[in-house]
Amino acid sequence: MSLDDVKDGPIRGEIAAVSEGGYKKLVLTFTNGLRFSLNATNCTEMIKALGSETDDWLGECVELYQGEALYQGEQVPSVRLTVLTRDPDEKKKPPPPQPKPKNSDLDDSIPF
């Protein structure tokens, strides 16, 4: 996702997966399939709001918007992130099931 994606307004998404991407940055994958690589500013925002355990981020909703972030000592245009809070009585949705790997040797029965 880039600045062009949020130039017409914020985008909201529900986190389906968190993985490690290039340059050891965390990548959020949303339930609609879009992916967003976290810069240091956005990663800090996620940790402040939800903690450092990325499994706890699954099922949470965020909003991506056009903003600025510090890069090499200067404020530059950037996609920023904010974690959307739930109502106190609203329960967190369970994360979507992860697809089972096809032809996995680990699923074979053990002949004892």
C-alpha atoms as a PDB file:
ATOM      1  CA  MET A   1       0.000   0.000   0.000  1.00  0.00           C
ATOM      2  CA  SER A   2       1.246   3.458  -0.834  1.00  0.00           C
ATOM      3  CA  LEU A   3       0.311   7.111  -0.444  1.00  0.00           C
ATOM      4  CA  ASP A   4      -1.682   6.882  -3.679  1.00  0.00           C
ATOM      5  CA  ASP A   5      -3.951   4.298  -2.036  1.00  0.00           C
ATOM      6  CA  VAL A   6      -4.976   6.692   0.756  1.00  0.00           C
ATOM      7  CA  LYS A   7      -4.940  10.019  -1.108  1.00  0.00           C
ATOM      8  CA  ASP A   8      -8.745   9.998  -1.469  1.00  0.00           C
ATOM      9  CA  GLY A   9      -9.352   9.092   2.163  1.00  0.00           C
ATOM     10  CA  PRO A  10      -8.543   6.568   4.875  1.00  0.00           C
ATOM     11  CA  ILE A  11      -8.754   2.814   4.351  1.00  0.00           C
ATOM     12  CA  ARG A  12      -9.857   0.451   7.110  1.00  0.00           C
ATOM     13  CA  GLY A  13      -8.886  -3.179   7.389  1.00  0.00           C
ATOM     14  CA  GLU A  14      -9.051  -6.160   9.712  1.00  0.00           C
ATOM     15  CA  ILE A  15      -5.736  -7.903  10.350  1.00  0.00           C
ATOM     16  CA  ALA A  16      -5.727 -11.532   9.197  1.00  0.00           C
ATOM     17  CA  ALA A  17      -1.990 -12.255   9.448  1.00  0.00           C
ATOM     18  CA  VAL A  18       1.317 -10.721  10.501  1.00  0.00           C
ATOM     19  CA  SER A  19       4.531 -11.868   8.850  1.00  0.00           C
ATOM     20  CA  GLU A  20       8.102 -10.720   8.389  1.00  0.00           C
ATOM     21  CA  GLY A  21       8.813  -8.953   5.121  1.00  0.00           C
ATOM     22  CA  GLY A  22      11.843  -7.391   3.519  1.00  0.00           C
ATOM     23  CA  TYR A  23      14.383  -5.592   5.687  1.00  0.00           C
ATOM     24  CA  LYS A  24      12.908  -7.434   8.723  1.00  0.00           C
ATOM     25  CA  LYS A  25       9.812  -5.209   8.668  1.00  0.00           C
ATOM     26  CA  LEU A  26       6.499  -6.631   9.821  1.00  0.00           C
ATOM     27  CA  VAL A  27       3.818  -6.946   7.155  1.00  0.00           C
ATOM     28  CA  LEU A  28       0.111  -6.848   7.967  1.00  0.00           C
ATOM     29  CA  THR A  29      -2.172  -8.875   5.712  1.00  0.00           C
ATOM     30  CA  PHE A  30      -5.797  -7.822   5.851  1.00  0.00           C
ATOM     31  CA  THR A  31      -8.845 -10.046   5.428  1.00  0.00           C
ATOM     32  CA  ASN A  32      -9.385  -8.534   1.957  1.00  0.00           C
ATOM     33  CA  GLY A  33      -5.887  -9.671   0.894  1.00  0.00           C
ATOM     34  CA  LEU A  34      -4.188  -6.257   0.923  1.00  0.00           C
ATOM     35  CA  ARG A  35      -0.769  -6.119   2.551  1.00  0.00           C
ATOM     36  CA  PHE A  36       0.876  -3.236   4.406  1.00  0.00           C
ATOM     37  CA  SER A  37       4.527  -3.087   5.495  1.00  0.00           C
ATOM     38  CA  LEU A  38       5.028  -1.374   8.860  1.00  0.00           C
ATOM     39  CA  ASN A  39       7.662   1.324   9.134  1.00  0.00           C
ATOM     40  CA  ALA A  40       9.149   2.036  12.574  1.00  0.00           C
ATOM     41  CA  THR A  41       6.540   4.710  13.376  1.00  0.00           C
ATOM     42  CA  ASN A  42       3.569   2.475  12.543  1.00  0.00           C
ATOM     43  CA  CYS A  43       5.105  -0.539  14.304  1.00  0.00           C
ATOM     44  CA  THR A  44       5.512   1.562  17.460  1.00  0.00           C
ATOM     45  CA  GLU A  45       1.857   2.622  17.164  1.00  0.00           C
ATOM     46  CA  MET A  46       0.757  -1.033  16.957  1.00  0.00           C
ATOM     47  CA  ILE A  47       2.866  -2.032  19.964  1.00  0.00           C
ATOM     48  CA  LYS A  48       1.574   0.889  22.058  1.00  0.00           C
ATOM     49  CA  ALA A  49      -2.040   0.000  21.303  1.00  0.00           C
ATOM     50  CA  LEU A  50      -1.943  -3.816  21.233  1.00  0.00           C
ATOM     51  CA  GLY A  51       1.319  -4.998  22.780  1.00  0.00           C
ATOM     52  CA  SER A  52       4.358  -6.639  21.223  1.00  0.00           C
ATOM     53  CA  GLU A  53       2.808 -10.106  20.733  1.00  0.00           C
ATOM     54  CA  THR A  54       1.788 -10.044  17.085  1.00  0.00           C
ATOM     55  CA  ASP A  55      -0.660 -12.936  17.539  1.00  0.00           C
ATOM     56  CA  ASP A  56      -2.724 -10.513  19.642  1.00  0.00           C
ATOM     57  CA  TRP A  57      -3.026  -8.217  16.607  1.00  0.00           C
ATOM     58  CA  LEU A  58      -5.048 -10.765  14.617  1.00  0.00           C
ATOM     59  CA  GLY A  59      -8.694  -9.790  14.271  1.00  0.00           C
ATOM     60  CA  GLU A  60      -8.002  -6.162  15.218  1.00  0.00           C
ATOM     61  CA  CYS A  61      -8.969  -3.310  12.893  1.00  0.00           C
ATOM     62  CA  VAL A  62      -6.768  -0.428  11.801  1.00  0.00           C
ATOM     63  CA  GLU A  63      -7.183   2.652   9.681  1.00  0.00           C
ATOM     64  CA  LEU A  64      -4.535   3.746   7.190  1.00  0.00           C
ATOM     65  CA  TYR A  65      -4.374   7.427   6.281  1.00  0.00           C
ATOM     66  CA  GLN A  66      -2.114  10.018   4.676  1.00  0.00           C
ATOM     67  CA  GLY A  67       0.238  11.613   7.179  1.00  0.00           C
ATOM     68  CA  GLU A  68       3.903  12.197   7.884  1.00  0.00           C
ATOM     69  CA  ALA A  69       6.677  10.204   9.515  1.00  0.00           C
ATOM     70  CA  LEU A  70      10.245  10.975  10.515  1.00  0.00           C
ATOM     71  CA  TYR A  71      12.729   9.593   7.969  1.00  0.00           C
ATOM     72  CA  GLN A  72      16.446  10.380   8.153  1.00  0.00           C
ATOM     73  CA  GLY A  73      15.753  13.377  10.386  1.00  0.00           C
ATOM     74  CA  GLU A  74      13.024  14.908   8.224  1.00  0.00           C
ATOM     75  CA  GLN A  75       9.236  14.710   8.222  1.00  0.00           C
ATOM     76  CA  VAL A  76       8.163  13.070   4.949  1.00  0.00           C
ATOM     77  CA  PRO A  77       4.743  12.136   3.553  1.00  0.00           C
ATOM     78  CA  SER A  78       3.859   8.627   4.653  1.00  0.00           C
ATOM     79  CA  VAL A  79       0.978   6.222   5.146  1.00  0.00           C
ATOM     80  CA  ARG A  80       0.181   6.328   8.846  1.00  0.00           C
ATOM     81  CA  LEU A  81      -1.783   3.849  10.901  1.00  0.00           C
ATOM     82  CA  THR A  82      -4.136   4.093  13.838  1.00  0.00           C
ATOM     83  CA  VAL A  83      -5.624   1.160  15.730  1.00  0.00           C
ATOM     84  CA  LEU A  84      -9.411   1.325  15.903  1.00  0.00           C
ATOM     85  CA  THR A  85     -10.774   0.657  19.353  1.00  0.00           C
ATOM     86  CA  ARG A  86     -13.763  -1.537  20.076  1.00  0.00           C
ATOM     87  CA  ASP A  87     -16.661  -0.618  22.313  1.00  0.00           C
ATOM     88  CA  PRO A  88     -16.055  -1.933  25.856  1.00  0.00           C
ATOM     89  CA  ASP A  89     -18.761  -4.610  25.470  1.00  0.00           C
ATOM     90  CA  GLU A  90     -17.719  -5.606  21.925  1.00  0.00           C
ATOM     91  CA  LYS A  91     -15.744  -8.844  21.785  1.00  0.00           C
ATOM     92  CA  LYS A  92     -12.798  -9.341  19.490  1.00  0.00           C
ATOM     93  CA  LYS A  93     -13.569 -11.465  16.433  1.00  0.00           C
ATOM     94  CA  PRO A  94     -11.600 -14.687  16.269  1.00  0.00           C
ATOM     95  CA  PRO A  95      -8.937 -14.595  13.580  1.00  0.00           C
ATOM     96  CA  PRO A  96      -9.789 -16.362  10.335  1.00  0.00           C
ATOM     97  CA  PRO A  97      -8.488 -19.930  10.145  1.00  0.00           C
ATOM     98  CA  GLN A  98      -5.120 -20.271   8.497  1.00  0.00           C
ATOM     99  CA  PRO A  99      -5.117 -22.492   5.399  1.00  0.00           C
ATOM    100  CA  LYS A 100      -3.652 -25.926   5.953  1.00  0.00           C
ATOM    101  CA  PRO A 101      -0.518 -26.572   3.862  1.00  0.00           C
ATOM    102  CA  LYS A 102      -1.161 -28.952   0.984  1.00  0.00           C
ATOM    103  CA  ASN A 103       0.782 -32.220   0.775  1.00  0.00           C
ATOM    104  CA  SER A 104       2.382 -31.740   4.149  1.00  0.00           C
ATOM    105  CA  ASP A 105       4.539 -34.670   5.243  1.00  0.00           C
ATOM    106  CA  LEU A 106       3.734 -33.798   8.847  1.00  0.00           C
ATOM    107  CA  ASP A 107       0.136 -35.001   8.436  1.00  0.00           C
ATOM    108  CA  ASP A 108       1.102 -38.570   7.575  1.00  0.00           C
ATOM    109  CA  SER A 109       0.147 -41.243  10.078  1.00  0.00           C
ATOM    110  CA  ILE A 110       2.952 -42.821  12.061  1.00  0.00           C
ATOM    111  CA  PRO A 111       3.114 -46.593  11.489  1.00  0.00           C
ATOM    112  CA  PHE A 112       3.786 -48.010  14.987  1.00  0.00           C
END
